[in-house]
Amino acid sequence: MNIPQKNLITLIADVEDEGKRIDKFIADNSPGISRTRISNLILTGNIICNQSAILSKTYKIKENDNFLINLPEPSNPNPQPENIPLNIVFEDNDLIVIDKPAGLVVHPGSGNHSGTLVNALISYCGDSLSGIGGVKRPGIVHRLDKDTSGIMVVAKNDLAHNHLSKQFADHGRNGLLKRSYLAFVWGIPDKTSDTINIAIQRHKTDRTKMAIVKANNQKGTFAITSYRIEEKYLNKKNDPIASLVRCKLYTGRTHQIRVHMAHIGTPVINDIKYGNGFKTKMNKLPESSQLIIQQSKRQALHAELLEFEHPTTNNLMSFSSALPKELKNMKNMLSKI
């Protein structure tokens, strides 16, 4: 087989590697290759040890094992490229930062097989995508809900994907990662600032929703959100109508901010999954104000800040996003009620 030398990696195991699983050994010695891609390489016979293909991830390393790893050219992705406009904030060889608008789905899935951010990035990035797990696709390390706007970072290669994934898995507890969101919520939280540390699980009857774990014997995933009230909005009768809160995530659960804010009685405005019971607040607004909220056609949640460590330079990267027009209009309206 005539394989270009640039697509070959050679490794020799020493005594300290004895007994390691092959996938761990390769991941430790080739940080640019993800565990997912290593599994694929094993299954496709692209990892040769002592002139024989290794076809099992459970193979245990022996001293002086001599490995030849073939990295096939990345294959074309299943999602197709689509020319969808993107607001690019920053881009280099490793990553791309975008300001996502509300209404754009991040990844193809049930009911959204096209028209997604992934389709747009495959088209925009082209050959600058060197492959995630052996496929020319962008590496999604975190997501924003369809109707949430704001800053997102996406990896363009395996090395960046691995590095960023670890940062998002750690959620800033031991590193530089920081994420904050602005949310317009119905009502005013009882405390000016607080941390909500309550587990979340998939809703028992509506599988498109998440729910708070209410009993100790129920299974769930721990979730931590802190918030601080930025502005309070009261009508002329001094009724508490709404507030603007800044939320920080310390875990990354599906719908986390939306579920936690609804749990404390202040759901995100226009959140049809978790805030439908608060239409009485809407009725206390003038009709013109109600129209501004209805016309926004999106939940009032915006990812305003993202900070992380660059995967190759180790520099602190910081990006912010101003409120989009429809949320600025909402803010102006609430400030004048």
Protein backbone atom coordinates (compact mmCIF):
# COMPACT_ATOMS: atom_id res chain seq x y z
CA MET A 1 0.00 0.00 0.00
CA ASN A 2 1.44 3.38 -1.06
CA ILE A 3 0.65 5.68 1.87
CA PRO A 4 1.90 9.30 1.95
CA GLN A 5 4.45 9.69 4.73
CA LYS A 6 2.62 12.71 6.14
CA ASN A 7 -0.30 10.38 6.93
CA LEU A 8 1.84 7.93 8.92
CA ILE A 9 2.70 8.02 12.62
CA THR A 10 5.26 5.66 14.12
CA LEU A 11 5.37 4.89 17.84
CA ILE A 12 7.54 2.55 19.90
CA ALA A 13 6.39 1.48 23.36
CA ASP A 14 8.81 1.56 26.28
CA VAL A 15 8.71 -0.20 29.64
CA GLU A 16 6.47 2.50 31.20
CA ASP A 17 3.79 1.79 28.59
CA GLU A 18 3.59 -1.92 29.44
CA GLY A 19 0.01 -2.99 30.20
CA LYS A 20 -1.72 0.11 28.84
CA ARG A 21 -4.71 -0.31 26.54
CA ILE A 22 -3.84 0.56 22.98
CA ASP A 23 -6.34 3.44 22.73
CA LYS A 24 -4.91 5.11 25.84
CA PHE A 25 -1.33 4.57 24.66
CA ILE A 26 -2.01 6.22 21.30
CA ALA A 27 -4.04 9.07 22.85
CA ASP A 28 -1.22 9.78 25.32
CA ASN A 29 1.42 9.84 22.61
CA SER A 30 -0.58 11.47 19.79
CA PRO A 31 -2.68 14.26 21.36
CA GLY A 32 -4.01 15.34 17.98
CA ILE A 33 -5.97 12.09 17.59
CA SER A 34 -9.25 11.75 19.49
CA ARG A 35 -10.34 8.54 21.22
CA THR A 36 -13.22 8.31 18.74
CA ARG A 37 -10.86 8.41 15.80
CA ILE A 38 -8.52 5.89 17.43
CA SER A 39 -11.47 3.48 17.74
CA ASN A 40 -12.30 3.98 14.07
CA LEU A 41 -8.67 3.44 13.07
CA ILE A 42 -8.59 0.16 15.01
CA LEU A 43 -11.85 -1.08 13.51
CA THR A 44 -10.66 -0.27 9.97
CA GLY A 45 -7.27 -1.96 10.36
CA ASN A 46 -5.25 1.25 10.19
CA ILE A 47 -3.14 0.50 13.28
CA ILE A 48 -0.31 -1.95 12.67
CA CYS A 49 1.68 -3.42 15.57
CA ASN A 50 4.78 -5.47 14.77
CA GLN A 51 3.54 -5.84 11.18
CA SER A 52 0.07 -7.14 12.18
CA ALA A 53 -3.16 -5.16 12.28
CA ILE A 54 -4.64 -4.54 15.74
CA LEU A 55 -8.43 -4.95 15.61
CA SER A 56 -9.29 -4.73 19.31
CA LYS A 57 -9.30 -1.70 21.62
CA THR A 58 -8.50 -4.01 24.53
CA TYR A 59 -5.05 -4.92 23.19
CA LYS A 60 -2.48 -4.40 25.98
CA ILE A 61 0.82 -2.74 25.17
CA LYS A 62 4.10 -4.66 25.48
CA GLU A 63 7.55 -3.12 25.75
CA ASN A 64 9.15 -2.51 22.33
CA ASP A 65 5.84 -2.83 20.47
CA ASN A 66 6.38 -1.05 17.17
CA PHE A 67 3.31 0.79 15.83
CA LEU A 68 2.56 2.17 12.40
CA ILE A 69 -0.59 4.31 12.37
CA ASN A 70 -2.16 5.23 9.05
CA LEU A 71 -4.32 8.36 9.05
CA PRO A 72 -6.58 8.22 5.98
CA GLU A 73 -7.59 11.51 4.41
CA PRO A 74 -10.73 12.80 6.17
CA SER A 75 -13.89 11.60 4.46
CA ASN A 76 -16.70 13.86 3.37
CA PRO A 77 -19.32 14.56 6.03
CA ASN A 78 -22.87 13.26 5.94
CA PRO A 79 -24.37 16.74 6.49
CA GLN A 80 -24.11 18.64 3.23
CA PRO A 81 -22.57 22.11 2.85
CA GLU A 82 -25.12 24.91 2.66
CA ASN A 83 -24.46 28.57 1.96
CA ILE A 84 -25.98 30.06 5.12
CA PRO A 85 -24.76 33.51 6.26
CA LEU A 86 -22.67 33.49 9.44
CA ASN A 87 -21.48 36.27 11.75
CA ILE A 88 -17.80 35.32 12.17
CA VAL A 89 -16.21 36.94 15.23
CA PHE A 90 -12.79 35.23 15.04
CA GLU A 91 -11.12 32.49 13.03
CA ASP A 92 -7.71 30.81 12.80
CA ASN A 93 -6.38 27.38 11.81
CA ASP A 94 -7.73 25.74 14.97
CA LEU A 95 -11.12 27.23 15.70
CA ILE A 96 -13.87 29.56 14.64
CA VAL A 97 -15.98 31.79 16.89
CA ILE A 98 -19.43 32.84 15.70
CA ASP A 99 -22.23 35.02 16.98
CA LYS A 100 -25.21 32.71 16.48
CA PRO A 101 -28.61 34.25 15.75
CA ALA A 102 -31.78 32.96 17.35
CA GLY A 103 -33.60 30.49 15.12
CA LEU A 104 -30.48 28.67 13.89
CA VAL A 105 -30.24 25.01 14.94
CA VAL A 106 -26.68 23.98 15.81
CA HIS A 107 -26.56 20.34 14.67
CA PRO A 108 -28.63 18.21 12.27
CA GLY A 109 -31.08 15.98 14.06
CA SER A 110 -34.67 14.83 14.15
CA GLY A 111 -36.74 17.40 12.28
CA ASN A 112 -33.67 19.46 11.36
CA HIS A 113 -31.69 17.60 8.72
CA SER A 114 -30.54 20.75 6.95
CA GLY A 115 -30.26 24.49 7.47
CA THR A 116 -28.12 24.07 10.59
CA LEU A 117 -24.95 25.71 11.84
CA VAL A 118 -23.01 22.53 10.98
CA ASN A 119 -24.22 22.71 7.36
CA ALA A 120 -23.20 26.36 7.23
CA LEU A 121 -19.73 25.73 8.69
CA ILE A 122 -18.99 22.83 6.33
CA SER A 123 -19.71 25.20 3.46
CA TYR A 124 -17.84 28.17 4.89
CA CYS A 125 -14.73 26.39 6.20
CA GLY A 126 -14.21 24.06 3.25
CA ASP A 127 -10.72 22.54 3.23
CA SER A 128 -9.70 24.34 6.43
CA LEU A 129 -11.53 21.56 8.29
CA SER A 130 -8.77 18.97 8.75
CA GLY A 131 -11.14 16.41 10.19
CA ILE A 132 -12.80 15.57 13.51
CA GLY A 133 -12.64 11.84 14.13
CA GLY A 134 -11.57 11.33 10.51
CA VAL A 135 -14.48 13.28 9.03
CA LYS A 136 -14.34 16.78 7.54
CA ARG A 137 -16.81 18.34 9.92
CA PRO A 138 -16.74 21.09 12.53
CA GLY A 139 -16.14 19.99 16.12
CA ILE A 140 -19.12 21.09 18.20
CA VAL A 141 -17.88 21.33 21.81
CA HIS A 142 -20.94 23.12 23.21
CA ARG A 143 -24.37 24.05 21.94
CA LEU A 144 -26.88 26.84 22.17
CA ASP A 145 -30.60 26.09 21.91
CA LYS A 146 -32.24 26.99 18.61
CA ASP A 147 -33.83 30.14 20.00
CA THR A 148 -30.84 31.23 22.10
CA SER A 149 -28.47 33.70 20.46
CA GLY A 150 -24.85 34.54 21.19
CA ILE A 151 -21.23 33.46 21.20
CA MET A 152 -20.13 29.93 20.25
CA VAL A 153 -16.71 28.39 19.57
CA VAL A 154 -16.25 25.47 17.17
CA ALA A 155 -13.11 23.36 16.62
CA LYS A 156 -11.63 22.84 13.15
CA ASN A 157 -9.35 19.89 13.93
CA ASP A 158 -8.96 17.00 16.37
CA LEU A 159 -6.35 18.69 18.55
CA ALA A 160 -8.51 21.78 19.10
CA HIS A 161 -11.59 19.62 19.60
CA ASN A 162 -9.94 17.55 22.34
CA HIS A 163 -8.53 20.61 24.11
CA LEU A 164 -11.77 22.60 24.01
CA SER A 165 -13.89 19.58 24.97
CA LYS A 166 -11.83 19.14 28.14
CA GLN A 167 -12.31 22.80 29.05
CA PHE A 168 -16.07 22.61 28.58
CA ALA A 169 -16.22 19.35 30.54
CA ASP A 170 -14.42 21.10 33.41
CA HIS A 171 -16.73 24.16 33.14
CA GLY A 172 -14.13 26.56 34.48
CA ARG A 173 -13.68 24.86 37.83
CA ASN A 174 -9.94 24.41 37.25
CA GLY A 175 -9.28 26.41 34.09
CA LEU A 176 -9.96 29.62 32.23
CA LEU A 177 -13.36 28.77 30.75
CA LYS A 178 -16.09 31.26 31.57
CA ARG A 179 -19.61 31.54 30.15
CA SER A 180 -22.25 34.10 31.00
CA TYR A 181 -25.74 34.69 29.64
CA LEU A 182 -28.26 37.52 29.81
CA ALA A 183 -31.85 36.47 30.39
CA PHE A 184 -35.04 38.48 30.58
CA VAL A 185 -37.28 36.61 33.00
CA TRP A 186 -40.84 37.02 34.24
CA GLY A 187 -41.01 38.32 37.80
CA ILE A 188 -38.10 39.16 40.08
CA PRO A 189 -36.08 36.50 41.93
CA ASP A 190 -36.33 36.63 45.73
CA LYS A 191 -32.56 37.03 46.08
CA THR A 192 -30.41 39.61 44.32
CA SER A 193 -27.91 36.86 43.54
CA ASP A 194 -27.79 33.16 44.24
CA THR A 195 -26.47 29.81 43.07
CA ILE A 196 -28.94 27.14 42.00
CA ASN A 197 -27.48 23.70 42.60
CA ILE A 198 -30.26 21.29 41.66
CA ALA A 199 -30.02 18.15 39.53
CA ILE A 200 -31.83 17.89 36.20
CA GLN A 201 -33.24 14.88 34.40
CA ARG A 202 -35.22 14.12 31.25
CA HIS A 203 -38.94 14.84 31.72
CA LYS A 204 -40.89 11.63 32.35
CA THR A 205 -43.69 12.28 29.85
CA ASP A 206 -42.36 14.96 27.48
CA ARG A 207 -39.00 13.73 26.20
CA THR A 208 -38.26 17.11 24.56
CA LYS A 209 -38.11 18.74 28.00
CA MET A 210 -35.90 18.55 31.05
CA ALA A 211 -37.13 18.60 34.63
CA ILE A 212 -35.88 19.22 38.15
CA VAL A 213 -35.10 16.11 40.21
CA LYS A 214 -37.53 16.41 43.12
CA ALA A 215 -36.85 13.27 45.14
CA ASN A 216 -33.59 11.91 46.52
CA ASN A 217 -34.25 8.48 45.06
CA GLN A 218 -34.65 9.82 41.52
CA LYS A 219 -31.74 9.77 39.13
CA GLY A 220 -30.51 13.01 37.61
CA THR A 221 -27.42 14.92 36.56
CA PHE A 222 -26.08 17.62 38.85
CA ALA A 223 -26.44 21.14 37.45
CA ILE A 224 -25.16 24.44 38.83
CA THR A 225 -26.21 27.92 37.70
CA SER A 226 -25.46 31.21 39.42
CA TYR A 227 -27.39 34.40 38.68
CA ARG A 228 -27.33 38.08 39.57
CA ILE A 229 -30.15 40.57 39.00
CA GLU A 230 -29.03 43.37 36.68
CA GLU A 231 -32.30 45.30 36.34
CA LYS A 232 -35.80 45.12 37.79
CA TYR A 233 -38.90 46.12 35.85
CA LEU A 234 -42.03 47.23 37.72
CA ASN A 235 -45.17 48.77 36.23
CA LYS A 236 -46.77 52.03 37.36
CA LYS A 237 -48.67 50.15 40.08
CA ASN A 238 -45.34 48.89 41.40
CA ASP A 239 -46.14 45.33 40.37
CA PRO A 240 -42.97 43.26 39.72
CA ILE A 241 -43.26 42.38 36.03
CA ALA A 242 -39.85 41.18 34.89
CA SER A 243 -36.11 41.41 35.44
CA LEU A 244 -32.84 41.11 33.57
CA VAL A 245 -30.48 38.57 35.11
CA ARG A 246 -26.92 37.58 34.29
CA CYS A 247 -26.40 33.82 34.58
CA LYS A 248 -23.15 31.86 34.75
CA LEU A 249 -22.92 28.15 34.00
CA TYR A 250 -20.80 25.75 36.02
CA THR A 251 -22.25 22.70 34.27
CA GLY A 252 -23.61 22.34 30.75
CA ARG A 253 -26.92 20.51 30.93
CA THR A 254 -29.62 20.67 28.28
CA HIS A 255 -31.90 23.70 28.88
CA GLN A 256 -30.11 24.28 32.20
CA ILE A 257 -30.69 28.03 32.64
CA ARG A 258 -34.26 27.74 31.40
CA VAL A 259 -35.09 24.90 33.81
CA HIS A 260 -33.36 26.49 36.81
CA MET A 261 -34.90 29.93 36.33
CA ALA A 262 -38.36 28.41 35.90
CA HIS A 263 -37.80 26.37 39.05
CA ILE A 264 -37.32 29.49 41.19
CA GLY A 265 -40.48 31.03 39.73
CA THR A 266 -38.90 33.36 37.15
CA PRO A 267 -38.95 31.62 33.75
CA VAL A 268 -37.30 33.12 30.69
CA ILE A 269 -39.66 35.36 28.74
CA ASN A 270 -41.10 33.69 25.63
CA ASP A 271 -39.92 30.25 26.74
CA ILE A 272 -42.82 28.16 25.48
CA LYS A 273 -41.53 24.97 27.12
CA TYR A 274 -41.04 26.24 30.66
CA GLY A 275 -42.78 29.62 30.93
CA ASN A 276 -46.27 29.26 29.52
CA GLY A 277 -47.85 29.57 32.96
CA PHE A 278 -46.77 33.22 33.28
CA LYS A 279 -49.12 34.84 30.78
CA THR A 280 -50.68 36.76 33.67
CA LYS A 281 -47.49 38.86 33.79
CA MET A 282 -47.92 39.63 30.10
CA ASN A 283 -51.48 40.85 30.74
CA LYS A 284 -50.15 43.55 33.09
CA LEU A 285 -48.29 45.14 30.20
CA PRO A 286 -49.76 47.65 27.71
CA GLU A 287 -50.80 46.09 24.40
CA SER A 288 -47.92 47.82 22.60
CA SER A 289 -45.46 46.23 25.05
CA GLN A 290 -47.05 42.81 24.66
CA LEU A 291 -46.66 43.14 20.89
CA ILE A 292 -42.90 43.77 21.21
CA ILE A 293 -42.51 40.55 23.21
CA GLN A 294 -44.67 38.55 20.81
CA GLN A 295 -42.87 39.89 17.74
CA SER A 296 -39.45 38.83 19.05
CA LYS A 297 -40.47 35.19 18.37
CA ARG A 298 -37.65 33.77 20.48
CA GLN A 299 -36.85 33.04 24.11
CA ALA A 300 -35.15 36.01 25.76
CA LEU A 301 -31.83 34.26 26.46
CA HIS A 302 -28.50 35.44 25.04
CA ALA A 303 -24.97 34.03 25.42
CA GLU A 304 -23.14 37.32 26.01
CA LEU A 305 -19.65 36.18 27.05
CA LEU A 306 -17.30 33.27 26.36
CA GLU A 307 -13.71 32.97 27.59
CA PHE A 308 -11.42 29.97 27.07
CA GLU A 309 -7.80 28.95 26.64
CA HIS A 310 -6.67 28.72 23.04
CA PRO A 311 -5.85 25.05 22.28
CA THR A 312 -2.41 25.70 20.73
CA THR A 313 -1.22 29.13 21.94
CA ASN A 314 -2.66 28.73 25.48
CA ASN A 315 -3.65 32.41 25.36
CA LEU A 316 -6.84 33.56 27.05
CA MET A 317 -9.47 34.22 24.39
CA SER A 318 -12.40 36.44 25.34
CA PHE A 319 -15.43 37.21 23.18
CA SER A 320 -18.63 39.10 23.89
CA SER A 321 -21.85 39.70 22.01
CA ALA A 322 -24.21 42.67 22.32
CA LEU A 323 -27.92 42.05 22.69
CA PRO A 324 -29.55 41.49 19.29
CA LYS A 325 -32.08 44.04 18.07
CA GLU A 326 -35.21 42.21 19.27
CA LEU A 327 -33.83 41.88 22.81
CA LYS A 328 -32.69 45.52 22.83
CA ASN A 329 -36.24 46.47 21.93
CA MET A 330 -37.54 44.31 24.76
CA LYS A 331 -35.09 45.91 27.20
CA ASN A 332 -36.07 49.43 26.13
CA MET A 333 -39.74 48.59 26.42
CA LEU A 334 -39.43 47.05 29.90
CA SER A 335 -37.39 50.03 31.10
CA LYS A 336 -40.27 52.37 30.25
CA ILE A 337 -43.31 50.49 31.61
